[in-house]
Amino acid sequence: MKTPTALPSAIVSRAEWIDARKKLLVKEKALTRQHDALAEERRQLPWVRVEQSYNFTGPAGNESLAQLFAGRSQLFVYHFMFGPDWDEGCRTCSMLADHVDGSAIHLAQRDVTLVLVSRAPYAKLAAFQRRMGWKFKWVSSHGSGFNRDFGVLFTPEEVASAEPSYNFGTAAPFSDEVGGGSVFFKDGEGQVFHTYSSYGRGLEPLLLPYFYLDLVPKGRAEAGLPFPSAWLRHHDRYETK
């Protein structure tokens, strides 16, 4: 795919570049401090007790939501888009999943279990996972109300209506299966609480290649595409370069 040629805004001396870079650094530092403050405010959100146990199928057989914590008190669930009748998982979700294995190891040291959840039957998830070479915990919520309850499943009528019912009522769902992430906490008595969910671009930092693309001269180079991630493929479907 041909991407736009990167054109410099100006060619300057090293000293002039340093001066311009320092001015941008002031804004970057301000954004970092704002991010830190927002993260603290996020942690202060109230919690909701999860009354349902739910049922998931995975490599360990049938498990409840509480069992997915795997002995830890914090659980991050990534809602991976993979419908029951799909042959393979979402390409964007797959790009995110390419970086999960390394993160899960470190998160476990900070009392966090990372699990991916999809509606496709577990046999489909396991086959696709083998194809992609992933090792993380991935379970099926097939037959459960989990996806619907946590805002990542919509009816065909809701999609067709184009009413803003996705992302806390701020956007129309683009599909019956949508992505997102949800955070849960389990206390010493085994009670599970929902503490946070994010959708849309809220979890974009987990799409690591975009972070790199935002730093290079050509950027994401997605202008003119049918939709922003139209260039994206499963990692085993790219032409060799």
Protein backbone atom coordinates (compact mmCIF):
# COMPACT_ATOMS: atom_id res chain seq x y z
CA MET A 1 0.00 0.00 0.00
CA LYS A 2 1.36 3.39 -0.99
CA THR A 3 1.45 5.93 1.84
CA PRO A 4 1.84 9.72 1.62
CA THR A 5 5.32 11.14 1.32
CA ALA A 6 6.53 12.79 4.52
CA LEU A 7 7.29 16.46 3.98
CA PRO A 8 9.12 18.53 6.63
CA SER A 9 7.52 21.75 7.82
CA ALA A 10 11.01 23.27 7.55
CA ILE A 11 14.68 22.35 7.35
CA VAL A 12 16.56 24.09 10.16
CA SER A 13 19.82 23.99 12.08
CA ARG A 14 20.28 21.64 15.04
CA ALA A 15 20.04 24.60 17.45
CA GLU A 16 16.73 25.73 15.93
CA TRP A 17 15.44 22.16 16.07
CA ILE A 18 16.33 21.89 19.78
CA ASP A 19 14.48 25.15 20.46
CA ALA A 20 11.35 23.91 18.65
CA ARG A 21 11.58 20.54 20.37
CA LYS A 22 11.77 22.14 23.82
CA LYS A 23 8.64 24.15 23.12
CA LEU A 24 6.79 20.96 22.18
CA LEU A 25 8.21 19.23 25.28
CA VAL A 26 6.43 21.76 27.50
CA LYS A 27 3.10 20.66 25.99
CA GLU A 28 4.03 16.96 26.24
CA LYS A 29 4.86 17.34 29.93
CA ALA A 30 1.56 19.14 30.56
CA LEU A 31 -0.30 16.30 28.84
CA THR A 32 1.57 13.73 30.95
CA ARG A 33 0.60 15.50 34.16
CA GLN A 34 -2.99 15.72 32.97
CA HIS A 35 -2.94 11.99 32.21
CA ASP A 36 -1.65 11.23 35.72
CA ALA A 37 -4.41 13.32 37.28
CA LEU A 38 -7.05 11.63 35.12
CA ALA A 39 -5.74 8.18 36.08
CA GLU A 40 -6.11 9.07 39.75
CA GLU A 41 -9.65 10.35 39.16
CA ARG A 42 -10.45 7.11 37.31
CA ARG A 43 -9.36 5.09 40.34
CA GLN A 44 -11.78 7.10 42.50
CA LEU A 45 -14.86 6.02 40.53
CA PRO A 46 -17.49 4.24 42.64
CA TRP A 47 -17.89 0.47 42.25
CA VAL A 48 -20.87 -1.71 41.37
CA ARG A 49 -21.32 -5.15 42.90
CA VAL A 50 -21.59 -7.86 40.22
CA GLU A 51 -24.49 -10.04 41.27
CA GLN A 52 -24.27 -12.64 38.47
CA SER A 53 -21.57 -15.29 38.44
CA TYR A 54 -21.61 -15.70 34.63
CA ASN A 55 -20.18 -18.73 32.90
CA PHE A 56 -17.14 -18.96 30.66
CA THR A 57 -15.52 -21.84 28.81
CA GLY A 58 -11.78 -21.97 28.34
CA PRO A 59 -8.67 -24.11 28.66
CA ALA A 60 -9.62 -24.93 32.27
CA GLY A 61 -13.18 -25.92 31.37
CA ASN A 62 -16.12 -23.98 32.79
CA GLU A 63 -15.30 -21.04 35.04
CA SER A 64 -17.21 -18.25 36.73
CA LEU A 65 -16.20 -14.60 36.60
CA ALA A 66 -14.77 -14.92 40.12
CA GLN A 67 -12.60 -17.86 39.03
CA LEU A 68 -11.09 -15.85 36.17
CA PHE A 69 -9.20 -13.78 38.76
CA ALA A 70 -6.87 -16.79 39.20
CA GLY A 71 -6.04 -15.96 42.81
CA ARG A 72 -5.52 -12.23 42.27
CA SER A 73 -7.73 -9.35 43.38
CA GLN A 74 -7.82 -7.40 40.09
CA LEU A 75 -9.06 -8.55 36.70
CA PHE A 76 -8.78 -6.79 33.35
CA VAL A 77 -11.07 -8.22 30.68
CA TYR A 78 -10.51 -7.27 27.07
CA HIS A 79 -13.69 -7.79 25.06
CA PHE A 80 -12.22 -9.29 21.87
CA MET A 81 -14.58 -9.07 18.88
CA PHE A 82 -15.16 -12.62 17.66
CA GLY A 83 -18.80 -13.50 16.99
CA PRO A 84 -20.14 -17.06 17.19
CA ASP A 85 -20.49 -17.32 13.40
CA TRP A 86 -17.17 -15.63 12.53
CA ASP A 87 -14.30 -17.62 11.02
CA GLU A 88 -11.58 -15.48 12.60
CA GLY A 89 -11.19 -12.69 15.11
CA CYS A 90 -11.34 -8.94 14.53
CA ARG A 91 -8.17 -7.57 12.91
CA THR A 92 -7.89 -4.58 15.24
CA CYS A 93 -8.45 -6.75 18.31
CA SER A 94 -5.82 -9.11 16.92
CA MET A 95 -3.27 -6.30 16.65
CA LEU A 96 -3.91 -5.54 20.30
CA ALA A 97 -3.67 -9.23 21.18
CA ASP A 98 -0.25 -9.45 19.53
CA HIS A 99 1.12 -7.57 22.56
CA VAL A 100 -0.87 -9.22 25.36
CA ASP A 101 1.42 -12.11 26.26
CA GLY A 102 4.31 -9.90 27.31
CA SER A 103 2.06 -7.56 29.30
CA ALA A 104 0.22 -10.34 31.15
CA ILE A 105 3.47 -11.58 32.72
CA HIS A 106 4.22 -8.17 34.22
CA LEU A 107 0.63 -7.43 35.26
CA ALA A 108 0.56 -10.64 37.28
CA GLN A 109 3.34 -9.20 39.45
CA ARG A 110 1.05 -6.28 40.32
CA ASP A 111 -1.95 -8.40 41.34
CA VAL A 112 -3.69 -8.12 37.96
CA THR A 113 -4.97 -11.00 35.84
CA LEU A 114 -5.49 -10.25 32.15
CA VAL A 115 -8.09 -12.32 30.29
CA LEU A 116 -9.63 -11.99 26.82
CA VAL A 117 -13.33 -12.80 26.40
CA SER A 118 -15.26 -13.44 23.17
CA ARG A 119 -18.67 -14.87 22.27
CA ALA A 120 -17.38 -17.40 19.76
CA PRO A 121 -17.37 -21.00 21.02
CA TYR A 122 -14.11 -21.92 22.73
CA ALA A 123 -13.09 -24.36 19.99
CA LYS A 124 -12.99 -21.47 17.51
CA LEU A 125 -11.00 -19.29 19.91
CA ALA A 126 -8.48 -22.06 20.56
CA ALA A 127 -7.98 -22.74 16.84
CA PHE A 128 -7.47 -19.07 16.01
CA GLN A 129 -5.15 -18.66 18.99
CA ARG A 130 -2.99 -21.53 17.76
CA ARG A 131 -2.86 -19.98 14.32
CA MET A 132 -1.74 -16.63 15.72
CA GLY A 133 0.74 -18.10 18.20
CA TRP A 134 -0.75 -16.48 21.30
CA LYS A 135 -0.50 -17.99 24.81
CA PHE A 136 -2.71 -15.72 26.96
CA LYS A 137 -5.92 -16.82 28.71
CA TRP A 138 -8.87 -16.56 26.33
CA VAL A 139 -12.33 -17.74 27.25
CA SER A 140 -15.71 -17.94 25.57
CA SER A 141 -18.80 -16.22 26.97
CA HIS A 142 -21.01 -18.07 24.47
CA GLY A 143 -24.54 -18.42 25.84
CA SER A 144 -23.86 -15.92 28.63
CA GLY A 145 -25.23 -12.40 29.05
CA PHE A 146 -21.76 -11.09 29.87
CA ASN A 147 -21.11 -9.23 26.61
CA ARG A 148 -24.53 -7.62 26.61
CA ASP A 149 -24.30 -6.60 30.25
CA PHE A 150 -20.93 -4.94 29.76
CA GLY A 151 -21.78 -2.96 26.65
CA VAL A 152 -20.16 -4.87 23.81
CA LEU A 153 -23.12 -6.67 22.22
CA PHE A 154 -26.02 -5.06 20.37
CA THR A 155 -29.06 -6.33 18.53
CA PRO A 156 -29.36 -5.94 14.73
CA GLU A 157 -32.21 -3.49 15.39
CA GLU A 158 -29.99 -1.34 17.61
CA VAL A 159 -27.26 -1.27 14.97
CA ALA A 160 -29.74 -0.40 12.20
CA SER A 161 -31.32 2.40 14.23
CA ALA A 162 -27.98 4.26 14.45
CA GLU A 163 -29.06 5.51 17.86
CA PRO A 164 -26.25 6.35 20.32
CA SER A 165 -26.31 3.27 22.55
CA TYR A 166 -22.58 2.39 22.49
CA ASN A 167 -19.89 3.86 24.76
CA PHE A 168 -22.31 4.95 27.49
CA GLY A 169 -24.78 6.33 25.00
CA THR A 170 -22.33 8.60 23.18
CA ALA A 171 -22.06 6.73 19.87
CA ALA A 172 -24.02 4.40 17.62
CA PRO A 173 -22.78 0.79 17.55
CA PHE A 174 -21.01 0.05 14.27
CA SER A 175 -21.68 -3.69 14.60
CA ASP A 176 -23.46 -6.14 16.85
CA GLU A 177 -20.01 -7.14 18.18
CA VAL A 178 -17.94 -4.22 19.47
CA GLY A 179 -14.73 -3.96 21.45
CA GLY A 180 -13.86 -2.63 24.86
CA GLY A 181 -12.30 -3.38 28.20
CA SER A 182 -13.71 -3.90 31.68
CA VAL A 183 -12.04 -3.93 35.08
CA PHE A 184 -13.16 -5.93 38.12
CA PHE A 185 -12.06 -6.26 41.75
CA LYS A 186 -12.58 -9.21 44.08
CA ASP A 187 -12.43 -8.61 47.83
CA GLY A 188 -11.34 -10.99 50.56
CA GLU A 189 -14.85 -12.38 50.91
CA GLY A 190 -15.03 -13.28 47.23
CA GLN A 191 -17.40 -10.48 46.24
CA VAL A 192 -16.80 -9.17 42.72
CA PHE A 193 -17.15 -5.51 41.77
CA HIS A 194 -17.16 -3.75 38.41
CA THR A 195 -14.88 -0.70 38.69
CA TYR A 196 -14.34 0.57 35.14
CA SER A 197 -15.08 0.03 31.45
CA SER A 198 -13.84 1.80 28.35
CA TYR A 199 -14.83 1.63 24.69
CA GLY A 200 -14.09 3.27 21.34
CA ARG A 201 -10.73 5.01 21.38
CA GLY A 202 -10.55 4.78 25.17
CA LEU A 203 -8.28 1.73 24.93
CA GLU A 204 -6.27 2.93 21.94
CA PRO A 205 -2.99 2.96 23.96
CA LEU A 206 -3.24 -0.85 23.92
CA LEU A 207 -2.88 -0.73 20.12
CA LEU A 208 0.87 -0.33 20.45
CA PRO A 209 1.76 0.13 16.74
CA TYR A 210 -0.33 3.32 16.71
CA PHE A 211 1.91 4.77 19.42
CA TYR A 212 4.93 4.29 17.17
CA LEU A 213 3.08 5.63 14.12
CA ASP A 214 2.20 8.82 15.99
CA LEU A 215 5.94 9.47 16.45
CA VAL A 216 7.14 9.00 12.87
CA PRO A 217 6.93 11.63 10.08
CA LYS A 218 4.19 9.95 8.02
CA GLY A 219 2.02 9.38 11.08
CA ARG A 220 -0.84 6.91 10.69
CA ALA A 221 -1.26 7.73 6.99
CA GLU A 222 -4.90 6.71 7.11
CA ALA A 223 -6.43 9.69 5.32
CA GLY A 224 -8.30 8.61 2.22
CA LEU A 225 -8.85 5.03 3.37
CA PRO A 226 -12.42 3.66 3.48
CA PHE A 227 -12.05 3.60 7.27
CA PRO A 228 -9.00 4.32 9.48
CA SER A 229 -7.76 0.76 10.00
CA ALA A 230 -8.49 -0.49 6.47
CA TRP A 231 -4.76 -1.16 6.02
CA LEU A 232 -4.64 -3.54 8.98
CA ARG A 233 -4.27 -7.31 8.54
CA HIS A 234 -3.78 -10.28 10.83
CA HIS A 235 -0.04 -10.54 11.37
CA ASP A 236 0.16 -13.70 9.23
CA ARG A 237 -1.63 -12.06 6.29
CA TYR A 238 0.77 -9.23 5.43
CA GLU A 239 2.86 -9.42 2.31
CA THR A 240 6.53 -9.94 3.18
CA LYS A 241 8.60 -6.76 2.99
